Amino acid sequence: MTFKDLEFILELNGVMRKDIDNILDFSRKNGINKEEIDDELNNMGYERILENELEDGLDEDEYEHVEKFPHRSKFSEDYD
């Protein structure tokens, strides 16, 4: 996650601008640690955002191939 991603997530969840700046400064000093950022948000009076919004386990392997239109083994003459 980048600082831009963090800023975007905080904006989407209704965190005030001055608090976003504080969180970004905190993250620049301590690194982007989701648990520490959520603790800091909790201290400011916000709900825990990152542990609820983001999951580390999202891989491309979790998405399966979906075939919208299955192949037909019949010719169009078979439907007459």
PDB file of N, CA and C in Angstrom:
ATOM      1  N   MET A   1       0.838  -1.164   0.000  1.00  0.00           N
ATOM      2  CA  MET A   1       0.000   0.000   0.000  1.00  0.00           C
ATOM      3  C   MET A   1       0.891   1.237   0.000  1.00  0.00           C
ATOM      4  N   THR A   2       0.532   2.203  -0.795  1.00  0.00           N
ATOM      5  CA  THR A   2       1.284   3.450  -0.859  1.00  0.00           C
ATOM      6  C   THR A   2       0.585   4.508   0.001  1.00  0.00           C
ATOM      7  N   PHE A   3       1.254   5.636   0.154  1.00  0.00           N
ATOM      8  CA  PHE A   3       0.656   6.729   0.920  1.00  0.00           C
ATOM      9  C   PHE A   3      -0.576   7.287   0.208  1.00  0.00           C
ATOM     10  N   LYS A   4      -0.565   7.274  -1.118  1.00  0.00           N
ATOM     11  CA  LYS A   4      -1.734   7.726  -1.890  1.00  0.00           C
ATOM     12  C   LYS A   4      -2.921   6.796  -1.657  1.00  0.00           C
ATOM     13  N   ASP A   5      -2.650   5.474  -1.612  1.00  0.00           N
ATOM     14  CA  ASP A   5      -3.715   4.506  -1.339  1.00  0.00           C
ATOM     15  C   ASP A   5      -4.299   4.738   0.050  1.00  0.00           C
ATOM     16  N   LEU A   6      -3.425   4.943   1.018  1.00  0.00           N
ATOM     17  CA  LEU A   6      -3.860   5.183   2.383  1.00  0.00           C
ATOM     18  C   LEU A   6      -4.704   6.448   2.465  1.00  0.00           C
ATOM     19  N   GLU A   7      -4.242   7.499   1.815  1.00  0.00           N
ATOM     20  CA  GLU A   7      -4.981   8.765   1.815  1.00  0.00           C
ATOM     21  C   GLU A   7      -6.355   8.584   1.185  1.00  0.00           C
ATOM     22  N   PHE A   8      -6.423   7.840   0.087  1.00  0.00           N
ATOM     23  CA  PHE A   8      -7.684   7.594  -0.610  1.00  0.00           C
ATOM     24  C   PHE A   8      -8.654   6.815   0.272  1.00  0.00           C
ATOM     25  N   ILE A   9      -8.172   5.782   0.932  1.00  0.00           N
ATOM     26  CA  ILE A   9      -9.027   4.972   1.810  1.00  0.00           C
ATOM     27  C   ILE A   9      -9.570   5.808   2.965  1.00  0.00           C
ATOM     28  N   LEU A  10      -8.715   6.640   3.530  1.00  0.00           N
ATOM     29  CA  LEU A  10      -9.156   7.482   4.637  1.00  0.00           C
ATOM     30  C   LEU A  10     -10.202   8.494   4.185  1.00  0.00           C
ATOM     31  N   GLU A  11     -10.002   9.074   2.985  1.00  0.00           N
ATOM     32  CA  GLU A  11     -10.981  10.025   2.454  1.00  0.00           C
ATOM     33  C   GLU A  11     -12.319   9.342   2.193  1.00  0.00           C
ATOM     34  N   LEU A  12     -12.276   8.136   1.654  1.00  0.00           N
ATOM     35  CA  LEU A  12     -13.515   7.410   1.368  1.00  0.00           C
ATOM     36  C   LEU A  12     -14.300   7.092   2.626  1.00  0.00           C
ATOM     37  N   ASN A  13     -13.608   6.922   3.731  1.00  0.00           N
ATOM     38  CA  ASN A  13     -14.269   6.555   4.976  1.00  0.00           C
ATOM     39  C   ASN A  13     -14.616   7.744   5.851  1.00  0.00           C
ATOM     40  N   GLY A  14     -14.517   8.945   5.313  1.00  0.00           N
ATOM     41  CA  GLY A  14     -15.003  10.132   6.012  1.00  0.00           C
ATOM     42  C   GLY A  14     -14.092  10.674   7.092  1.00  0.00           C
ATOM     43  N   VAL A  15     -12.797  10.400   7.004  1.00  0.00           N
ATOM     44  CA  VAL A  15     -11.852  10.954   7.976  1.00  0.00           C
ATOM     45  C   VAL A  15     -11.586  12.404   7.587  1.00  0.00           C
ATOM     46  N   MET A  16     -11.609  13.303   8.569  1.00  0.00           N
ATOM     47  CA  MET A  16     -11.401  14.728   8.289  1.00  0.00           C
ATOM     48  C   MET A  16      -9.984  14.977   7.782  1.00  0.00           C
ATOM     49  N   ARG A  17      -9.819  16.021   6.997  1.00  0.00           N
ATOM     50  CA  ARG A  17      -8.547  16.304   6.327  1.00  0.00           C
ATOM     51  C   ARG A  17      -7.393  16.474   7.318  1.00  0.00           C
ATOM     52  N   LYS A  18      -7.612  17.184   8.405  1.00  0.00           N
ATOM     53  CA  LYS A  18      -6.523  17.391   9.368  1.00  0.00           C
ATOM     54  C   LYS A  18      -6.107  16.066  10.001  1.00  0.00           C
ATOM     55  N   ASP A  19      -7.067  15.169  10.208  1.00  0.00           N
ATOM     56  CA  ASP A  19      -6.744  13.853  10.759  1.00  0.00           C
ATOM     57  C   ASP A  19      -6.034  12.974   9.730  1.00  0.00           C
ATOM     58  N   ILE A  20      -6.396  13.123   8.466  1.00  0.00           N
ATOM     59  CA  ILE A  20      -5.695  12.396   7.403  1.00  0.00           C
ATOM     60  C   ILE A  20      -4.236  12.816   7.368  1.00  0.00           C
ATOM     61  N   ASP A  21      -3.994  14.129   7.469  1.00  0.00           N
ATOM     62  CA  ASP A  21      -2.615  14.620   7.472  1.00  0.00           C
ATOM     63  C   ASP A  21      -1.845  14.075   8.672  1.00  0.00           C
ATOM     64  N   ASN A  22      -2.500  14.009   9.831  1.00  0.00           N
ATOM     65  CA  ASN A  22      -1.844  13.444  11.025  1.00  0.00           C
ATOM     66  C   ASN A  22      -1.509  11.974  10.824  1.00  0.00           C
ATOM     67  N   ILE A  23      -2.433  11.220  10.246  1.00  0.00           N
ATOM     68  CA  ILE A  23      -2.202   9.790   9.997  1.00  0.00           C
ATOM     69  C   ILE A  23      -1.081   9.599   8.978  1.00  0.00           C
ATOM     70  N   LEU A  24      -1.052  10.427   7.940  1.00  0.00           N
ATOM     71  CA  LEU A  24       0.014  10.317   6.935  1.00  0.00           C
ATOM     72  C   LEU A  24       1.370  10.644   7.548  1.00  0.00           C
ATOM     73  N   ASP A  25       1.440  11.666   8.395  1.00  0.00           N
ATOM     74  CA  ASP A  25       2.690  11.982   9.086  1.00  0.00           C
ATOM     75  C   ASP A  25       3.110  10.830   9.997  1.00  0.00           C
ATOM     76  N   PHE A  26       2.143  10.276  10.718  1.00  0.00           N
ATOM     77  CA  PHE A  26       2.402   9.130  11.591  1.00  0.00           C
ATOM     78  C   PHE A  26       2.949   7.953  10.775  1.00  0.00           C
ATOM     79  N   SER A  27       2.361   7.720   9.599  1.00  0.00           N
ATOM     80  CA  SER A  27       2.782   6.600   8.752  1.00  0.00           C
ATOM     81  C   SER A  27       4.160   6.824   8.145  1.00  0.00           C
ATOM     82  N   ARG A  28       4.469   8.057   7.826  1.00  0.00           N
ATOM     83  CA  ARG A  28       5.799   8.344   7.275  1.00  0.00           C
ATOM     84  C   ARG A  28       6.889   8.104   8.315  1.00  0.00           C
ATOM     85  N   LYS A  29       6.563   8.370   9.577  1.00  0.00           N
ATOM     86  CA  LYS A  29       7.538   8.163  10.657  1.00  0.00           C
ATOM     87  C   LYS A  29       7.654   6.690  11.042  1.00  0.00           C
ATOM     88  N   ASN A  30       6.516   6.003  11.118  1.00  0.00           N
ATOM     89  CA  ASN A  30       6.490   4.640  11.649  1.00  0.00           C
ATOM     90  C   ASN A  30       6.303   3.558  10.588  1.00  0.00           C
ATOM     91  N   GLY A  31       6.092   3.945   9.348  1.00  0.00           N
ATOM     92  CA  GLY A  31       5.816   2.965   8.309  1.00  0.00           C
ATOM     93  C   GLY A  31       4.326   2.684   8.224  1.00  0.00           C
ATOM     94  N   ILE A  32       3.933   2.038   7.152  1.00  0.00           N
ATOM     95  CA  ILE A  32       2.517   1.734   6.957  1.00  0.00           C
ATOM     96  C   ILE A  32       2.226   0.375   7.590  1.00  0.00           C
ATOM     97  N   ASN A  33       1.805   0.425   8.825  1.00  0.00           N
ATOM     98  CA  ASN A  33       1.403  -0.762   9.559  1.00  0.00           C
ATOM     99  C   ASN A  33      -0.088  -0.617   9.837  1.00  0.00           C
ATOM    100  N   LYS A  34      -0.882  -1.487   9.233  1.00  0.00           N
ATOM    101  CA  LYS A  34      -2.340  -1.346   9.301  1.00  0.00           C
ATOM    102  C   LYS A  34      -2.858  -1.359  10.732  1.00  0.00           C
ATOM    103  N   GLU A  35      -2.298  -2.209  11.556  1.00  0.00           N
ATOM    104  CA  GLU A  35      -2.766  -2.308  12.938  1.00  0.00           C
ATOM    105  C   GLU A  35      -2.453  -1.032  13.715  1.00  0.00           C
ATOM    106  N   GLU A  36      -1.253  -0.478  13.539  1.00  0.00           N
ATOM    107  CA  GLU A  36      -0.892   0.759  14.241  1.00  0.00           C
ATOM    108  C   GLU A  36      -1.724   1.941  13.743  1.00  0.00           C
ATOM    109  N   ILE A  37      -1.987   1.974  12.440  1.00  0.00           N
ATOM    110  CA  ILE A  37      -2.802   3.058  11.888  1.00  0.00           C
ATOM    111  C   ILE A  37      -4.222   2.967  12.430  1.00  0.00           C
ATOM    112  N   ASP A  38      -4.761   1.748  12.501  1.00  0.00           N
ATOM    113  CA  ASP A  38      -6.100   1.580  13.072  1.00  0.00           C
ATOM    114  C   ASP A  38      -6.131   1.975  14.544  1.00  0.00           C
ATOM    115  N   ASP A  39      -5.071   1.653  15.281  1.00  0.00           N
ATOM    116  CA  ASP A  39      -5.003   2.067  16.682  1.00  0.00           C
ATOM    117  C   ASP A  39      -5.007   3.589  16.798  1.00  0.00           C
ATOM    118  N   GLU A  40      -4.245   4.232  15.923  1.00  0.00           N
ATOM    119  CA  GLU A  40      -4.184   5.703  15.925  1.00  0.00           C
ATOM    120  C   GLU A  40      -5.543   6.293  15.559  1.00  0.00           C
ATOM    121  N   LEU A  41      -6.228   5.695  14.586  1.00  0.00           N
ATOM    122  CA  LEU A  41      -7.575   6.154  14.222  1.00  0.00           C
ATOM    123  C   LEU A  41      -8.540   5.967  15.384  1.00  0.00           C
ATOM    124  N   ASN A  42      -8.392   4.846  16.070  1.00  0.00           N
ATOM    125  CA  ASN A  42      -9.236   4.582  17.236  1.00  0.00           C
ATOM    126  C   ASN A  42      -9.022   5.639  18.309  1.00  0.00           C
ATOM    127  N   ASN A  43      -7.769   6.049  18.525  1.00  0.00           N
ATOM    128  CA  ASN A  43      -7.463   7.084  19.512  1.00  0.00           C
ATOM    129  C   ASN A  43      -8.055   8.431  19.120  1.00  0.00           C
ATOM    130  N   MET A  44      -8.217   8.663  17.811  1.00  0.00           N
ATOM    131  CA  MET A  44      -8.803   9.913  17.330  1.00  0.00           C
ATOM    132  C   MET A  44     -10.332   9.880  17.360  1.00  0.00           C
ATOM    133  N   GLY A  45     -10.906   8.720  17.639  1.00  0.00           N
ATOM    134  CA  GLY A  45     -12.358   8.612  17.714  1.00  0.00           C
ATOM    135  C   GLY A  45     -13.013   7.978  16.504  1.00  0.00           C
ATOM    136  N   TYR A  46     -12.229   7.475  15.566  1.00  0.00           N
ATOM    137  CA  TYR A  46     -12.769   6.819  14.376  1.00  0.00           C
ATOM    138  C   TYR A  46     -12.815   5.314  14.596  1.00  0.00           C
ATOM    139  N   GLU A  47     -13.606   4.648  13.752  1.00  0.00           N
ATOM    140  CA  GLU A  47     -13.634   3.186  13.784  1.00  0.00           C
ATOM    141  C   GLU A  47     -12.377   2.654  13.105  1.00  0.00           C
ATOM    142  N   ARG A  48     -12.105   1.381  13.346  1.00  0.00           N
ATOM    143  CA  ARG A  48     -10.961   0.736  12.708  1.00  0.00           C
ATOM    144  C   ARG A  48     -11.312   0.533  11.231  1.00  0.00           C
ATOM    145  N   ILE A  49     -10.559   1.185  10.362  1.00  0.00           N
ATOM    146  CA  ILE A  49     -10.890   1.196   8.939  1.00  0.00           C
ATOM    147  C   ILE A  49     -10.114   0.136   8.168  1.00  0.00           C
ATOM    148  N   LEU A  50      -8.822   0.090   8.361  1.00  0.00           N
ATOM    149  CA  LEU A  50      -7.984  -0.745   7.502  1.00  0.00           C
ATOM    150  C   LEU A  50      -8.192  -2.227   7.724  1.00  0.00           C
ATOM    151  N   GLU A  51      -8.405  -2.665   8.946  1.00  0.00           N
ATOM    152  CA  GLU A  51      -8.592  -4.091   9.166  1.00  0.00           C
ATOM    153  C   GLU A  51      -9.928  -4.559   8.613  1.00  0.00           C
ATOM    154  N   ASN A  52     -10.883  -3.649   8.489  1.00  0.00           N
ATOM    155  CA  ASN A  52     -12.184  -4.007   7.935  1.00  0.00           C
ATOM    156  C   ASN A  52     -12.216  -3.886   6.419  1.00  0.00           C
ATOM    157  N   GLU A  53     -11.482  -2.953   5.870  1.00  0.00           N
ATOM    158  CA  GLU A  53     -11.536  -2.680   4.441  1.00  0.00           C
ATOM    159  C   GLU A  53     -10.599  -3.560   3.613  1.00  0.00           C
ATOM    160  N   LEU A  54      -9.433  -3.797   4.118  1.00  0.00           N
ATOM    161  CA  LEU A  54      -8.419  -4.485   3.330  1.00  0.00           C
ATOM    162  C   LEU A  54      -8.152  -5.877   3.858  1.00  0.00           C
ATOM    163  N   GLU A  55      -7.966  -6.794   2.928  1.00  0.00           N
ATOM    164  CA  GLU A  55      -7.575  -8.138   3.296  1.00  0.00           C
ATOM    165  C   GLU A  55      -6.297  -8.465   2.539  1.00  0.00           C
ATOM    166  N   ASP A  56      -5.324  -8.977   3.261  1.00  0.00           N
ATOM    167  CA  ASP A  56      -4.045  -9.291   2.628  1.00  0.00           C
ATOM    168  C   ASP A  56      -4.129 -10.514   1.731  1.00  0.00           C
ATOM    169  N   GLY A  57      -5.120 -11.356   1.905  1.00  0.00           N
ATOM    170  CA  GLY A  57      -5.164 -12.627   1.205  1.00  0.00           C
ATOM    171  C   GLY A  57      -5.731 -12.581  -0.193  1.00  0.00           C
ATOM    172  N   LEU A  58      -5.929 -11.430  -0.762  1.00  0.00           N
ATOM    173  CA  LEU A  58      -6.488 -11.373  -2.098  1.00  0.00           C
ATOM    174  C   LEU A  58      -5.419 -11.650  -3.138  1.00  0.00           C
ATOM    175  N   ASP A  59      -5.506 -12.786  -3.749  1.00  0.00           N
ATOM    176  CA  ASP A  59      -4.583 -13.171  -4.807  1.00  0.00           C
ATOM    177  C   ASP A  59      -5.373 -13.386  -6.077  1.00  0.00           C
ATOM    178  N   GLU A  60      -4.671 -13.386  -7.183  1.00  0.00           N
ATOM    179  CA  GLU A  60      -5.336 -13.656  -8.444  1.00  0.00           C
ATOM    180  C   GLU A  60      -5.830 -15.091  -8.506  1.00  0.00           C
ATOM    181  N   ASP A  61      -5.237 -15.978  -7.729  1.00  0.00           N
ATOM    182  CA  ASP A  61      -5.625 -17.381  -7.738  1.00  0.00           C
ATOM    183  C   ASP A  61      -7.012 -17.595  -7.155  1.00  0.00           C
ATOM    184  N   GLU A  62      -7.499 -16.659  -6.380  1.00  0.00           N
ATOM    185  CA  GLU A  62      -8.803 -16.818  -5.763  1.00  0.00           C
ATOM    186  C   GLU A  62      -9.939 -16.623  -6.756  1.00  0.00           C
ATOM    187  N   TYR A  63      -9.653 -16.001  -7.885  1.00  0.00           N
ATOM    188  CA  TYR A  63     -10.675 -15.752  -8.876  1.00  0.00           C
ATOM    189  C   TYR A  63     -10.658 -16.864  -9.903  1.00  0.00           C
ATOM    190  N   GLU A  64     -11.812 -17.452 -10.100  1.00  0.00           N
ATOM    191  CA  GLU A  64     -11.910 -18.548 -11.038  1.00  0.00           C
ATOM    192  C   GLU A  64     -12.417 -18.034 -12.367  1.00  0.00           C
ATOM    193  N   HIS A  65     -12.164 -18.809 -13.387  1.00  0.00           N
ATOM    194  CA  HIS A  65     -12.630 -18.482 -14.720  1.00  0.00           C
ATOM    195  C   HIS A  65     -14.137 -18.677 -14.789  1.00  0.00           C
ATOM    196  N   VAL A  66     -14.832 -17.684 -15.311  1.00  0.00           N
ATOM    197  CA  VAL A  66     -16.273 -17.777 -15.465  1.00  0.00           C
ATOM    198  C   VAL A  66     -16.573 -17.724 -16.943  1.00  0.00           C
ATOM    199  N   GLU A  67     -17.309 -18.721 -17.403  1.00  0.00           N
ATOM    200  CA  GLU A  67     -17.677 -18.776 -18.809  1.00  0.00           C
ATOM    201  C   GLU A  67     -19.114 -18.299 -18.930  1.00  0.00           C
ATOM    202  N   LYS A  68     -19.305 -17.119 -19.511  1.00  0.00           N
ATOM    203  CA  LYS A  68     -20.642 -16.553 -19.596  1.00  0.00           C
ATOM    204  C   LYS A  68     -21.510 -17.308 -20.591  1.00  0.00           C
ATOM    205  N   PHE A  69     -20.928 -17.669 -21.708  1.00  0.00           N
ATOM    206  CA  PHE A  69     -21.668 -18.379 -22.732  1.00  0.00           C
ATOM    207  C   PHE A  69     -20.966 -19.708 -22.983  1.00  0.00           C
ATOM    208  N   PRO A  70     -21.512 -20.795 -22.484  1.00  0.00           N
ATOM    209  CA  PRO A  70     -20.850 -22.080 -22.664  1.00  0.00           C
ATOM    210  C   PRO A  70     -20.809 -22.461 -24.139  1.00  0.00           C
ATOM    211  N   HIS A  71     -19.786 -23.196 -24.476  1.00  0.00           N
ATOM    212  CA  HIS A  71     -19.657 -23.660 -25.855  1.00  0.00           C
ATOM    213  C   HIS A  71     -20.787 -24.626 -26.170  1.00  0.00           C
ATOM    214  N   ARG A  72     -21.290 -24.497 -27.347  1.00  0.00           N
ATOM    215  CA  ARG A  72     -22.356 -25.413 -27.765  1.00  0.00           C
ATOM    216  C   ARG A  72     -21.749 -26.441 -28.710  1.00  0.00           C
ATOM    217  N   SER A  73     -22.082 -27.649 -28.456  1.00  0.00           N
ATOM    218  CA  SER A  73     -21.557 -28.709 -29.312  1.00  0.00           C
ATOM    219  C   SER A  73     -22.490 -29.013 -30.469  1.00  0.00           C
ATOM    220  N   LYS A  74     -23.553 -28.248 -30.617  1.00  0.00           N
ATOM    221  CA  LYS A  74     -24.521 -28.491 -31.695  1.00  0.00           C
ATOM    222  C   LYS A  74     -24.405 -27.391 -32.741  1.00  0.00           C
ATOM    223  N   PHE A  75     -24.772 -27.723 -33.938  1.00  0.00           N
ATOM    224  CA  PHE A  75     -24.793 -26.756 -35.020  1.00  0.00           C
ATOM    225  C   PHE A  75     -26.121 -26.025 -35.010  1.00  0.00           C
ATOM    226  N   SER A  76     -26.166 -24.896 -35.658  1.00  0.00           N
ATOM    227  CA  SER A  76     -27.407 -24.120 -35.685  1.00  0.00           C
ATOM    228  C   SER A  76     -28.544 -24.893 -36.354  1.00  0.00           C
ATOM    229  N   GLU A  77     -28.233 -25.857 -37.242  1.00  0.00           N
ATOM    230  CA  GLU A  77     -29.285 -26.625 -37.907  1.00  0.00           C
ATOM    231  C   GLU A  77     -30.014 -27.534 -36.909  1.00  0.00           C
ATOM    232  N   ASP A  78     -29.346 -27.837 -35.793  1.00  0.00           N
ATOM    233  CA  ASP A  78     -29.963 -28.712 -34.799  1.00  0.00           C
ATOM    234  C   ASP A  78     -31.076 -28.004 -34.043  1.00  0.00           C
ATOM    235  N   TYR A  79     -31.150 -26.680 -34.127  1.00  0.00           N
ATOM    236  CA  TYR A  79     -32.150 -25.940 -33.375  1.00  0.00           C
ATOM    237  C   TYR A  79     -33.401 -25.648 -34.186  1.00  0.00           C
ATOM    238  N   ASP A  80     -33.420 -26.048 -35.424  1.00  0.00           N
ATOM    239  CA  ASP A  80     -34.601 -25.783 -36.258  1.00  0.00           C
ATOM    240  C   ASP A  80     -35.768 -26.648 -35.916  1.00  0.00           C
TER     241      ASP A  80
END
